[in-house]
Amino acid sequence: MPARWRHRLISGILIVYLLIAATVGLRNTVLRLRAAVKTAGLPAHAVRELVFGRRYVAGVDLIRRSIPVAEPYLLSERDEPGAMLWARFDLLPRRAMYLGKVGSLPGDPRNCWVEQVRWMVVAAGVGRPPLLLERTTRIPPGCPPAPWARNGQ
């Protein structure tokens, strides 16, 4: 007899769990469908403004217009770890060279290309647009010109 009570208790707990999970899942589905219906037919730029905010989208668009597609940029982040991943994604297909935290330039003197990169993007964090900085470039002694510099860009 005690085995039946155990089975009934376990079955009851399982049924309660499934009812709660189904309710939460159905609610999430309805909320996502409502959001999809709201944005249906909107252009991609308008959806990006709804999701990320106008300041962020305007900042990224300015950076896209400034940096040529064939030219790389140095990528760094300020306070929030992982912010540079979103900035890098938004600036594709431009190539990024990772620097790390702001103020930490790579110490490898054999890296000839870092000093030849004209642009630096600093990812600021959630909701804040990345910062675009223009750097002075030079060809270090003993280094060949970078491929993007040879094309006259």
Protein backbone atom coordinates (compact mmCIF):
# COMPACT_ATOMS: atom_id res chain seq x y z
CA MET A 1 0.00 0.00 0.00
CA PRO A 2 2.74 2.59 0.81
CA ALA A 3 4.15 2.11 -2.71
CA ARG A 4 0.85 3.31 -4.23
CA TRP A 5 0.93 6.52 -2.22
CA ARG A 6 4.47 7.17 -3.34
CA HIS A 7 3.49 6.65 -6.98
CA ARG A 8 0.43 8.89 -6.59
CA LEU A 9 2.48 11.61 -4.92
CA ILE A 10 5.13 11.49 -7.64
CA SER A 11 2.45 11.49 -10.36
CA GLY A 12 0.69 14.45 -8.72
CA ILE A 13 3.92 16.45 -8.48
CA LEU A 14 4.68 15.64 -12.12
CA ILE A 15 1.22 16.78 -13.25
CA VAL A 16 1.51 20.05 -11.29
CA TYR A 17 4.96 20.66 -12.79
CA LEU A 18 3.69 20.03 -16.33
CA LEU A 19 0.70 22.32 -15.83
CA ILE A 20 2.93 25.14 -14.58
CA ALA A 21 5.46 24.62 -17.39
CA ALA A 22 2.73 24.55 -20.05
CA THR A 23 1.19 27.76 -18.68
CA VAL A 24 4.53 29.59 -18.64
CA GLY A 25 5.40 28.31 -22.10
CA LEU A 26 2.04 29.37 -23.53
CA ARG A 27 2.38 32.84 -21.96
CA ASN A 28 5.87 33.30 -23.44
CA THR A 29 4.63 32.19 -26.85
CA VAL A 30 1.75 34.69 -26.76
CA LEU A 31 4.08 37.54 -25.74
CA ARG A 32 6.54 36.74 -28.53
CA LEU A 33 3.78 36.47 -31.11
CA ARG A 34 2.41 39.86 -30.02
CA ALA A 35 5.86 41.41 -30.44
CA ALA A 36 6.25 39.78 -33.86
CA VAL A 37 2.86 41.09 -35.00
CA LYS A 38 3.77 44.63 -33.83
CA THR A 39 6.95 44.66 -35.91
CA ALA A 40 5.61 42.80 -38.95
CA GLY A 41 6.18 44.79 -42.11
CA LEU A 42 8.57 47.28 -40.53
CA PRO A 43 11.90 47.85 -42.26
CA ALA A 44 14.98 46.35 -40.60
CA HIS A 45 16.26 49.79 -39.57
CA ALA A 46 13.05 50.55 -37.66
CA VAL A 47 13.16 47.19 -35.86
CA ARG A 48 16.78 47.82 -34.88
CA GLU A 49 15.76 51.21 -33.44
CA LEU A 50 12.99 49.55 -31.42
CA VAL A 51 15.35 46.93 -30.02
CA PHE A 52 18.58 48.89 -29.47
CA GLY A 53 17.43 52.51 -29.31
CA ARG A 54 17.91 55.41 -31.71
CA ARG A 55 21.21 56.63 -30.22
CA TYR A 56 22.85 53.22 -30.61
CA VAL A 57 21.63 52.69 -34.18
CA ALA A 58 22.66 56.21 -35.22
CA GLY A 59 26.13 55.69 -33.69
CA VAL A 60 26.64 52.37 -35.46
CA ASP A 61 25.44 53.82 -38.77
CA LEU A 62 27.90 56.71 -38.43
CA ILE A 63 30.75 54.25 -37.81
CA ARG A 64 29.67 52.15 -40.80
CA ARG A 65 29.77 55.21 -43.04
CA SER A 66 33.19 56.27 -41.68
CA ILE A 67 35.13 53.00 -41.86
CA PRO A 68 35.53 51.54 -45.36
CA VAL A 69 34.53 47.90 -45.70
CA ALA A 70 38.03 46.80 -46.77
CA GLU A 71 39.79 48.58 -43.89
CA PRO A 72 40.14 47.01 -40.43
CA TYR A 73 39.63 48.74 -37.10
CA LEU A 74 40.92 48.24 -33.57
CA LEU A 75 38.23 47.09 -31.14
CA SER A 76 38.24 47.72 -27.42
CA GLU A 77 35.66 47.87 -24.65
CA ARG A 78 35.11 50.14 -21.69
CA ASP A 79 33.26 48.86 -18.65
CA GLU A 80 31.00 46.04 -19.67
CA PRO A 81 32.60 42.69 -20.57
CA GLY A 82 31.24 41.33 -23.84
CA ALA A 83 30.04 44.68 -25.21
CA MET A 84 32.59 44.49 -28.00
CA LEU A 85 30.95 41.35 -29.38
CA TRP A 86 27.80 43.31 -30.23
CA ALA A 87 29.80 46.18 -31.71
CA ARG A 88 31.81 43.75 -33.83
CA PHE A 89 28.65 42.04 -35.04
CA ASP A 90 27.02 45.36 -35.95
CA LEU A 91 30.09 46.48 -37.91
CA LEU A 92 30.46 43.36 -40.04
CA PRO A 93 31.90 42.77 -42.70
CA ARG A 94 34.69 45.09 -41.52
CA ARG A 95 37.56 43.26 -39.84
CA ALA A 96 38.23 43.89 -36.17
CA MET A 97 41.54 43.63 -34.37
CA TYR A 98 40.91 42.99 -30.67
CA LEU A 99 42.76 45.19 -28.17
CA GLY A 100 41.12 44.32 -24.86
CA LYS A 101 40.22 46.93 -22.26
CA VAL A 102 40.62 50.63 -23.03
CA GLY A 103 44.20 51.75 -22.56
CA SER A 104 45.77 48.31 -22.99
CA LEU A 105 47.61 48.31 -26.30
CA PRO A 106 49.23 45.04 -27.28
CA GLY A 107 52.85 44.94 -26.20
CA ASP A 108 54.11 42.74 -29.03
CA PRO A 109 56.55 44.88 -31.04
CA ARG A 110 56.45 42.35 -33.89
CA ASN A 111 52.82 43.23 -34.61
CA CYS A 112 53.37 45.57 -37.56
CA TRP A 113 49.73 46.14 -38.36
CA VAL A 114 48.41 47.72 -35.14
CA GLU A 115 50.16 51.03 -35.78
CA GLN A 116 48.89 51.08 -39.37
CA VAL A 117 45.19 50.89 -38.42
CA ARG A 118 43.51 54.28 -38.67
CA TRP A 119 40.27 53.59 -36.77
CA MET A 120 39.55 52.50 -33.22
CA VAL A 121 36.07 51.53 -31.97
CA VAL A 122 35.39 51.46 -28.23
CA ALA A 123 32.32 49.44 -27.23
CA ALA A 124 30.58 51.31 -24.42
CA GLY A 125 27.97 48.81 -23.21
CA VAL A 126 24.26 48.09 -23.38
CA GLY A 127 22.22 50.90 -24.89
CA ARG A 128 25.24 53.16 -25.39
CA PRO A 129 26.64 53.58 -28.91
CA PRO A 130 30.24 52.59 -29.58
CA LEU A 131 32.76 55.40 -29.83
CA LEU A 132 34.77 55.96 -33.00
CA LEU A 133 38.28 57.36 -32.66
CA GLU A 134 40.57 58.25 -35.54
CA ARG A 135 44.24 57.50 -34.92
CA THR A 136 47.41 58.70 -36.57
CA THR A 137 49.02 55.89 -38.49
CA ARG A 138 52.61 55.12 -39.32
CA ILE A 139 54.56 52.23 -40.76
CA PRO A 140 56.93 50.91 -38.06
CA PRO A 141 60.57 50.45 -39.06
CA GLY A 142 61.17 47.09 -40.68
CA CYS A 143 57.49 46.47 -41.41
CA PRO A 144 55.89 46.27 -44.83
CA PRO A 145 52.87 48.48 -45.55
CA ALA A 146 49.55 46.92 -44.60
CA PRO A 147 47.48 45.45 -47.46
CA TRP A 148 44.70 48.02 -46.99
CA ALA A 149 47.27 50.85 -47.04
CA ARG A 150 48.76 49.62 -50.33
CA ASN A 151 45.36 49.97 -52.01
CA GLY A 152 45.39 53.67 -51.32
CA GLN A 153 42.73 53.63 -48.61
